[in-house]
N, C-alpha and C. Protein backbone atom coordinates (compact mmCIF):
# COMPACT_ATOMS: atom_id res chain seq x y z
N MET A 1 6.04 -43.88 39.01
CA MET A 1 7.13 -43.68 38.43
C MET A 1 8.83 -43.66 39.27
N ASN A 2 9.85 -44.36 39.09
CA ASN A 2 10.88 -44.04 39.96
C ASN A 2 11.44 -42.72 39.12
N GLU A 3 11.71 -41.79 39.73
CA GLU A 3 12.61 -40.75 38.93
C GLU A 3 14.17 -41.13 38.52
N ARG A 4 14.59 -41.59 39.56
CA ARG A 4 16.21 -41.96 39.57
C ARG A 4 16.15 -43.04 37.81
N ILE A 5 15.38 -43.76 38.07
CA ILE A 5 15.42 -44.77 36.88
C ILE A 5 15.60 -43.96 35.62
N LEU A 6 14.02 -43.41 35.57
CA LEU A 6 13.89 -42.50 34.47
C LEU A 6 15.09 -41.68 34.07
N HIS A 7 15.94 -41.08 34.80
CA HIS A 7 17.22 -40.15 34.42
C HIS A 7 18.33 -41.02 34.08
N LYS A 8 18.28 -42.03 34.83
CA LYS A 8 19.54 -43.21 34.16
C LYS A 8 18.90 -43.59 32.78
N LEU A 9 18.12 -44.07 33.30
CA LEU A 9 18.00 -44.75 31.71
C LEU A 9 17.48 -43.44 30.22
N ALA A 10 17.42 -42.15 30.52
CA ALA A 10 17.96 -41.27 29.25
C ALA A 10 19.14 -40.89 29.41
N GLU A 11 20.14 -41.22 30.23
CA GLU A 11 21.26 -41.13 30.01
C GLU A 11 22.14 -42.15 29.13
N ALA A 12 21.65 -43.17 29.75
CA ALA A 12 21.89 -44.43 28.76
C ALA A 12 21.47 -44.34 27.49
N LYS A 13 20.33 -43.92 27.24
CA LYS A 13 19.91 -43.80 25.89
C LYS A 13 20.62 -42.86 25.32
N ASP A 14 21.49 -41.62 25.88
CA ASP A 14 22.03 -40.73 25.13
C ASP A 14 23.18 -41.35 24.84
N SER A 15 23.52 -41.68 25.68
CA SER A 15 25.13 -42.26 25.29
C SER A 15 25.02 -43.57 24.10
N VAL A 16 24.04 -44.17 23.93
CA VAL A 16 23.67 -45.37 23.14
C VAL A 16 23.65 -44.90 21.49
N GLU A 17 22.64 -43.58 21.68
CA GLU A 17 22.65 -42.84 20.73
C GLU A 17 23.25 -41.95 20.20
N LEU A 18 24.43 -41.88 20.89
CA LEU A 18 25.75 -40.87 20.35
C LEU A 18 26.54 -42.14 19.88
N VAL A 19 26.46 -43.20 20.32
CA VAL A 19 27.72 -43.80 19.89
C VAL A 19 26.68 -44.76 18.37
N GLU A 20 25.55 -45.11 18.42
CA GLU A 20 25.16 -45.24 17.02
C GLU A 20 25.32 -44.25 16.08
N GLU A 21 25.06 -43.26 16.16
CA GLU A 21 25.56 -41.66 15.44
C GLU A 21 27.06 -41.68 14.85
N LYS A 22 27.85 -42.09 15.80
CA LYS A 22 29.55 -42.00 15.41
C LYS A 22 29.79 -43.22 15.25
N LEU A 23 29.47 -44.52 15.60
CA LEU A 23 30.04 -45.78 15.38
C LEU A 23 30.18 -45.88 13.70
N PRO A 24 31.56 -46.05 12.95
CA PRO A 24 31.28 -46.31 11.72
C PRO A 24 31.02 -47.46 11.21
N GLU A 25 30.78 -47.58 9.90
CA GLU A 25 30.42 -48.90 9.54
C GLU A 25 31.10 -50.17 9.26
N THR A 26 32.46 -49.96 9.01
CA THR A 26 33.16 -50.91 9.31
C THR A 26 34.30 -51.17 10.09
N PRO A 27 34.77 -52.01 10.31
CA PRO A 27 35.72 -52.18 11.30
C PRO A 27 37.19 -51.53 11.14
N GLN A 28 37.42 -51.16 9.60
CA GLN A 28 38.50 -50.28 9.45
C GLN A 28 37.97 -48.86 10.03
N GLY A 29 36.75 -48.78 9.41
CA GLY A 29 36.58 -47.43 9.78
C GLY A 29 36.36 -46.69 11.29
N PHE A 30 36.53 -47.87 12.31
CA PHE A 30 36.69 -47.68 13.45
C PHE A 30 38.11 -47.52 13.92
N GLN A 31 38.72 -48.40 13.37
CA GLN A 31 40.58 -48.45 13.12
C GLN A 31 41.01 -47.33 12.82
N SER A 32 40.43 -46.58 11.68
CA SER A 32 40.96 -45.36 11.66
C SER A 32 40.69 -44.27 12.29
N MET A 33 39.76 -44.66 12.97
CA MET A 33 39.33 -42.88 14.03
C MET A 33 40.59 -42.70 14.48
N GLU A 34 40.88 -41.19 15.57
CA GLU A 34 41.47 -40.99 16.28
C GLU A 34 41.12 -41.75 17.34
N ARG A 35 42.54 -41.95 18.35
CA ARG A 35 42.39 -42.60 19.26
C ARG A 35 41.34 -41.99 20.34
N LEU A 36 41.21 -40.61 20.25
CA LEU A 36 40.19 -39.89 21.34
C LEU A 36 39.20 -40.69 21.23
N GLU A 37 38.55 -40.41 19.68
CA GLU A 37 37.18 -40.60 19.23
C GLU A 37 36.77 -42.08 19.63
N ARG A 38 37.79 -43.26 19.32
CA ARG A 38 37.81 -44.54 19.85
C ARG A 38 37.40 -44.82 21.42
N ASP A 39 38.18 -43.85 22.07
CA ASP A 39 37.99 -43.99 23.69
C ASP A 39 36.69 -43.51 24.20
N GLY A 40 36.23 -42.22 22.96
CA GLY A 40 34.70 -41.36 23.36
C GLY A 40 33.57 -42.62 23.36
N ILE A 41 33.84 -43.54 22.18
CA ILE A 41 32.71 -44.86 21.89
C ILE A 41 33.10 -45.56 23.08
N TYR A 42 34.12 -46.09 23.74
CA TYR A 42 34.54 -46.73 24.67
C TYR A 42 33.58 -46.49 26.26
N LYS A 43 34.05 -45.16 26.69
CA LYS A 43 33.87 -44.67 27.36
C LYS A 43 31.71 -44.61 27.63
N ASN A 44 31.41 -43.99 26.59
CA ASN A 44 30.09 -44.29 26.16
C ASN A 44 29.42 -45.29 26.33
N ILE A 45 29.87 -46.44 25.98
CA ILE A 45 29.34 -47.87 25.80
C ILE A 45 29.20 -48.41 27.86
N GLU A 46 30.39 -48.11 28.16
CA GLU A 46 30.88 -48.20 29.78
C GLU A 46 29.77 -47.18 30.29
N PHE A 47 29.48 -46.04 30.41
CA PHE A 47 28.64 -45.53 30.77
C PHE A 47 27.25 -46.12 30.68
N ALA A 48 26.61 -46.30 29.68
CA ALA A 48 25.44 -46.76 29.29
C ALA A 48 25.53 -48.33 30.13
N ILE A 49 26.25 -49.20 30.21
CA ILE A 49 26.21 -50.77 30.71
C ILE A 49 25.95 -49.93 32.25
N GLN A 50 27.12 -49.42 32.78
CA GLN A 50 27.21 -49.12 34.11
C GLN A 50 25.28 -48.77 35.26
N ASN A 51 25.17 -47.65 34.10
CA ASN A 51 23.82 -47.24 34.30
C ASN A 51 22.76 -47.96 34.51
N ILE A 52 22.91 -49.24 33.33
CA ILE A 52 22.01 -50.28 33.30
C ILE A 52 22.12 -51.43 34.61
N LEU A 53 23.33 -51.20 34.75
CA LEU A 53 23.55 -52.09 36.30
C LEU A 53 22.94 -51.12 37.52
N ASP A 54 22.93 -50.02 37.67
CA ASP A 54 22.35 -48.85 38.50
C ASP A 54 20.98 -49.05 38.36
N ILE A 55 20.73 -49.28 37.58
CA ILE A 55 18.93 -49.17 37.43
C ILE A 55 18.68 -50.51 37.88
N CYS A 56 19.35 -51.66 37.60
CA CYS A 56 18.95 -52.52 38.20
C CYS A 56 18.95 -52.84 39.80
N ALA A 57 20.10 -52.27 40.22
CA ALA A 57 20.50 -52.17 41.62
C ALA A 57 18.80 -51.08 42.24
N ILE A 58 18.56 -50.12 41.70
CA ILE A 58 17.47 -49.54 42.21
C ILE A 58 16.20 -50.13 42.23
N ILE A 59 16.05 -51.25 40.95
CA ILE A 59 14.60 -52.29 40.97
C ILE A 59 14.72 -53.04 42.15
N LEU A 60 15.83 -53.52 42.34
CA LEU A 60 16.18 -54.67 43.42
C LEU A 60 15.74 -53.92 44.42
N LYS A 61 16.15 -52.90 44.75
CA LYS A 61 15.78 -51.98 45.79
C LYS A 61 14.27 -51.65 46.25
N ASP A 62 13.32 -51.26 45.05
CA ASP A 62 12.44 -50.92 44.99
C ASP A 62 11.16 -52.03 44.78
N GLU A 63 11.82 -53.28 44.55
CA GLU A 63 11.10 -54.62 44.62
C GLU A 63 11.10 -55.02 46.44
N GLU A 64 12.00 -54.56 47.43
CA GLU A 64 12.33 -54.70 48.58
C GLU A 64 12.83 -56.37 48.30
N LEU A 65 13.86 -56.64 47.51
CA LEU A 65 14.33 -57.87 47.21
C LEU A 65 15.58 -58.14 48.19
N ARG A 66 16.38 -59.37 48.17
CA ARG A 66 16.98 -59.45 49.24
C ARG A 66 18.38 -58.51 48.28
N VAL A 67 18.94 -57.94 49.65
CA VAL A 67 20.21 -57.66 49.34
C VAL A 67 21.44 -58.20 48.75
N PRO A 68 22.01 -57.96 47.57
CA PRO A 68 22.88 -58.86 46.86
C PRO A 68 24.21 -58.28 47.43
N SER A 69 25.46 -59.35 47.49
CA SER A 69 26.65 -58.43 47.92
C SER A 69 27.73 -58.48 46.52
N SER A 70 26.69 -58.53 45.19
CA SER A 70 28.01 -58.15 44.16
C SER A 70 26.73 -58.13 42.53
N ASP A 71 27.20 -57.31 41.94
CA ASP A 71 26.34 -57.08 40.52
C ASP A 71 26.01 -58.51 40.24
N ASP A 72 26.69 -59.68 40.11
CA ASP A 72 26.10 -60.60 39.58
C ASP A 72 25.09 -61.45 40.88
N ASP A 73 25.37 -61.25 41.75
CA ASP A 73 24.41 -61.66 42.64
C ASP A 73 22.71 -60.86 42.43
N MET A 74 23.27 -59.68 42.52
CA MET A 74 21.88 -58.68 41.99
C MET A 74 21.00 -59.28 40.78
N LEU A 75 21.91 -59.69 39.19
CA LEU A 75 21.08 -59.84 38.37
C LEU A 75 20.43 -61.43 38.92
N LYS A 76 21.45 -61.85 39.45
CA LYS A 76 20.79 -63.46 39.65
C LYS A 76 19.37 -63.31 40.83
N GLU A 77 19.18 -62.51 41.31
CA GLU A 77 17.99 -61.99 42.24
C GLU A 77 17.10 -61.84 41.25
N LEU A 78 17.07 -60.55 40.37
CA LEU A 78 16.30 -60.00 39.59
C LEU A 78 15.78 -61.13 38.61
N GLN A 79 16.68 -62.19 38.41
CA GLN A 79 16.27 -63.14 37.42
C GLN A 79 15.69 -64.23 38.09
N ASP A 80 15.81 -64.54 39.51
CA ASP A 80 15.35 -65.54 39.81
C ASP A 80 13.69 -65.35 40.46
N SER A 81 13.19 -63.62 41.17
CA SER A 81 12.39 -63.53 40.99
C SER A 81 11.34 -62.94 40.53
N LYS A 82 12.24 -63.01 38.94
CA LYS A 82 10.97 -62.84 37.60
C LYS A 82 10.94 -61.50 37.64
N VAL A 83 11.23 -60.61 38.23
CA VAL A 83 11.36 -59.19 38.08
C VAL A 83 11.73 -58.48 36.54
N MET A 84 13.02 -59.46 35.82
CA MET A 84 13.22 -58.98 34.83
C MET A 84 13.23 -60.31 33.90
N LYS A 85 13.09 -60.18 32.98
CA LYS A 85 13.27 -61.75 31.77
C LYS A 85 14.40 -62.04 31.87
N GLY A 86 14.75 -63.72 31.79
CA GLY A 86 16.13 -64.20 32.02
C GLY A 86 16.99 -64.03 30.55
N ASN A 87 16.28 -63.77 29.58
CA ASN A 87 17.45 -63.30 28.30
C ASN A 87 17.67 -62.35 28.43
N VAL A 88 17.11 -61.15 29.29
CA VAL A 88 17.44 -59.92 29.28
C VAL A 88 18.66 -59.82 30.39
N ILE A 89 18.57 -60.63 31.07
CA ILE A 89 19.31 -60.54 32.51
C ILE A 89 20.59 -61.50 31.56
N GLU A 90 21.05 -62.22 30.86
CA GLU A 90 21.74 -62.86 30.29
C GLU A 90 22.55 -61.95 29.51
N ILE A 91 21.72 -61.23 28.76
CA ILE A 91 22.61 -59.91 28.05
C ILE A 91 23.61 -59.09 28.99
N ILE A 92 22.49 -58.70 30.06
CA ILE A 92 23.35 -57.91 31.23
C ILE A 92 24.60 -58.48 31.68
N LYS A 93 24.44 -59.43 31.80
CA LYS A 93 25.80 -60.33 32.56
C LYS A 93 26.90 -60.19 31.48
N GLN A 94 26.50 -60.45 30.24
CA GLN A 94 27.42 -60.07 28.73
C GLN A 94 28.04 -58.65 29.02
N MET A 95 27.18 -57.81 28.79
CA MET A 95 27.35 -56.30 28.83
C MET A 95 28.34 -56.29 29.97
N LYS A 96 27.58 -56.66 31.19
CA LYS A 96 29.14 -56.58 32.19
C LYS A 96 30.21 -56.70 32.06
N GLY A 97 30.54 -57.83 31.73
CA GLY A 97 31.92 -58.47 31.51
C GLY A 97 32.33 -57.89 30.57
N PHE A 98 32.12 -57.03 29.45
CA PHE A 98 32.60 -56.43 28.37
C PHE A 98 32.85 -54.84 29.02
N ARG A 99 31.97 -54.71 29.83
CA ARG A 99 31.98 -53.36 30.69
C ARG A 99 33.35 -52.99 31.81
N ASN A 100 33.48 -54.36 32.25
CA ASN A 100 34.80 -54.71 33.03
C ASN A 100 36.17 -54.83 31.76
N HIS A 101 35.76 -55.41 30.82
CA HIS A 101 36.93 -55.18 29.88
C HIS A 101 37.23 -54.11 29.71
N LEU A 102 36.31 -53.09 29.38
CA LEU A 102 36.87 -51.71 28.68
C LEU A 102 37.47 -50.48 30.21
N VAL A 103 36.87 -51.36 30.95
CA VAL A 103 37.47 -50.77 32.76
C VAL A 103 38.96 -50.62 32.87
N HIS A 104 38.96 -51.99 33.01
CA HIS A 104 39.98 -52.47 33.24
C HIS A 104 41.42 -52.94 32.31
N ARG A 105 40.90 -52.66 31.67
CA ARG A 105 41.61 -53.20 30.28
C ARG A 105 42.97 -54.12 30.35
N TYR A 106 41.87 -55.40 30.69
CA TYR A 106 42.72 -56.90 30.90
C TYR A 106 43.24 -57.16 29.56
N GLY A 107 44.99 -57.00 29.68
CA GLY A 107 45.28 -57.25 28.48
C GLY A 107 45.28 -55.90 27.53
N ALA A 108 45.63 -56.12 26.36
CA ALA A 108 45.44 -54.63 25.33
C ALA A 108 43.86 -55.50 24.75
N LEU A 109 43.46 -53.96 24.50
CA LEU A 109 42.22 -53.94 24.09
C LEU A 109 41.74 -54.54 22.57
N ASP A 110 41.51 -55.44 22.30
CA ASP A 110 41.52 -55.30 20.49
C ASP A 110 40.24 -54.64 20.17
N ASP A 111 41.07 -53.68 19.06
CA ASP A 111 39.49 -52.86 18.91
C ASP A 111 38.81 -53.61 18.20
N ASP A 112 39.47 -54.66 16.88
CA ASP A 112 38.32 -55.29 15.93
C ASP A 112 37.20 -56.13 17.05
N ILE A 113 37.73 -56.82 17.90
CA ILE A 113 36.38 -57.37 19.01
C ILE A 113 35.82 -56.76 19.46
N ALA A 114 36.37 -55.30 19.91
CA ALA A 114 35.57 -54.34 20.82
C ALA A 114 34.80 -53.82 19.80
N TYR A 115 34.70 -53.44 18.52
CA TYR A 115 33.95 -53.48 17.69
C TYR A 115 32.98 -54.08 17.26
N SER A 116 32.99 -55.23 16.76
CA SER A 116 32.16 -56.20 16.85
C SER A 116 31.14 -56.51 17.93
N ASN A 117 31.74 -56.36 19.27
CA ASN A 117 30.85 -56.56 20.30
C ASN A 117 30.20 -55.53 20.26
N ILE A 118 30.45 -53.97 20.03
CA ILE A 118 29.77 -52.71 20.66
C ILE A 118 28.43 -52.71 18.87
N LYS A 119 29.06 -53.28 17.96
CA LYS A 119 28.18 -52.82 16.49
C LYS A 119 27.14 -53.96 16.84
N ASN A 120 27.37 -55.44 17.52
CA ASN A 120 26.55 -56.77 17.67
C ASN A 120 25.43 -55.86 18.40
N GLY A 121 25.71 -55.19 19.32
CA GLY A 121 25.25 -55.23 20.61
C GLY A 121 24.68 -54.18 21.00
N LEU A 122 24.18 -52.93 19.86
CA LEU A 122 23.50 -51.94 20.10
C LEU A 122 21.87 -52.03 20.38
N ASN A 123 21.35 -53.35 19.20
CA ASN A 123 20.12 -53.53 19.50
C ASN A 123 19.67 -54.17 20.91
N ASP A 124 20.71 -55.40 21.56
CA ASP A 124 20.50 -55.39 22.57
C ASP A 124 20.14 -54.05 24.05
N PHE A 125 20.88 -53.07 23.82
CA PHE A 125 20.56 -52.05 24.63
C PHE A 125 19.10 -51.56 24.57
N HIS A 126 18.59 -51.42 23.43
CA HIS A 126 17.27 -51.03 23.12
C HIS A 126 16.51 -52.23 23.44
N MET A 127 16.57 -53.20 23.35
CA MET A 127 15.61 -54.65 24.44
C MET A 127 15.81 -54.15 25.71
N ILE A 128 16.93 -53.98 26.19
CA ILE A 128 17.03 -54.00 27.86
C ILE A 128 16.18 -52.48 27.89
N PHE A 129 16.40 -51.22 27.49
CA PHE A 129 15.54 -50.54 27.98
C PHE A 129 13.83 -50.57 27.74
N GLU A 130 13.94 -51.32 26.71
CA GLU A 130 12.10 -51.78 26.81
C GLU A 130 11.73 -52.17 28.04
N GLU A 131 12.85 -53.29 28.16
CA GLU A 131 12.26 -54.17 29.49
C GLU A 131 12.39 -53.48 30.78
N ILE A 132 12.84 -52.67 30.88
CA ILE A 132 13.29 -51.31 31.88
C ILE A 132 11.91 -50.67 32.22
N LYS A 133 11.44 -50.40 31.05
CA LYS A 133 10.17 -49.45 30.83
C LYS A 133 8.92 -50.49 30.97
N ASN A 134 8.95 -51.86 30.90
CA ASN A 134 7.98 -52.35 31.39
C ASN A 134 7.85 -52.47 32.98
N VAL A 135 9.07 -52.94 33.66
CA VAL A 135 9.09 -53.22 34.67
C VAL A 135 8.56 -52.37 36.09
N ILE A 136 9.11 -50.85 35.38
CA ILE A 136 8.56 -49.43 36.05
C ILE A 136 7.05 -49.20 35.55
N SER A 137 6.60 -49.58 34.97
CA SER A 137 5.58 -49.20 34.35
C SER A 137 4.67 -49.90 35.02
């Protein structure tokens, strides 16, 4: 197994577990958190998503597939080659969009919408982690 993938997977899992531990049960609880705490949750989600994208790039290289020109191209190649399941790739694409929103803060970041995306997306991380394990085993 690729040690770099395992390392990045462990980092992503750690970030997601920290978010699961610290994320309040309600949007109001999230709103009432100190800004630094909310930003910590955002950064951990961003870091986990980036690690997933990095893992996808390593898998693509290991499979000796076409060199992509962008993350979108990379995800399409993984899907077209059936290295990863199409539904998992679609979720990763959505996560990438959310990550871009967090990184670039297009307009004002709406904490309620971001909370909902994070809360509803936590199970998706675990599904992606399982898919990655299946691909590398």
